[in-house]
């Protein structure tokens, strides 16, 4: 719809501009550091072994580095955002804080 001119995209919520739409600014370009990206996560039951976590981290790291995944990312305009288990956990905590702060600022949460 934006390419046809039916709508005008004012900003995107990714940390950087997208290669497929370099003229669309980010919220950060407007001075708002909030980011919200399209992410995928894999979760395990509590108590899963460290060895199993390491095994899955390797599987996903290889998948994200594959040419096949790059094609999918590029086709959809996704940024490369692979995070291992510890980094992903920290990312989720930051997202929760950002969204909570935003919801409080907008009056949706007290």
Foldseek 3Di string as FASTA:
>chain_A
DVVVVPDPQAAAQAQAAFPVCNPHHHVVVVVDRGHDFDDDDDDDDPPDDPVVLVVVQVVVVVVLPDPVVVVVCVVVRHDSDDDRDVRVVVVVVVNVVRVVVVCVVVPNHD
